Amino acid sequence: MKKNAFFVAELVSVIVLIASAVVYAMADARENSPLIIGLLAVAAVVGVVLLVKHFPYGEYIPFVLSLVSVVVFIPLAFDEVGDVLSKINMNGLSTSWIASAVLIVLSMVCTGVSTAVAAKD
């Protein structure tokens, strides 16, 4: 039963990681980091591998990659918000940028949950 819970948690995590990478890549922002897109894509690929074959401590890799993507995203987020507040960006934050920010944080949460579920095994 626990293995089934990990499968569901990891599947949800992979779906959110893929959605995060796609939405962030298409977001309207002054600058998007290809590193974030790459980290999310690699985390999704590792998550798919974990769905097929489990290896020791493998469940930590997607979590670390998504955590690093959040760490890389934070300075860019402050830069975007700073541009809006200083009137450099008169259009404000786009809904696609806000959605990508929410999805990047959600991907970190989902990979953390799947890591916690796997750690209980």
Foldseek 3Di string as FASTA:
>chain_A
DLLVVLLVLLVVLLVLLVVLLVLQVPADDPDGDVLLSVLSVVLSVLSVVCNVPNDPPSLVSSLVSLVVSLVVVVVVVVVLVVCCVVVVDVVHGDPSNVVSNVSSVVSNVSSVVSSVSVVVD
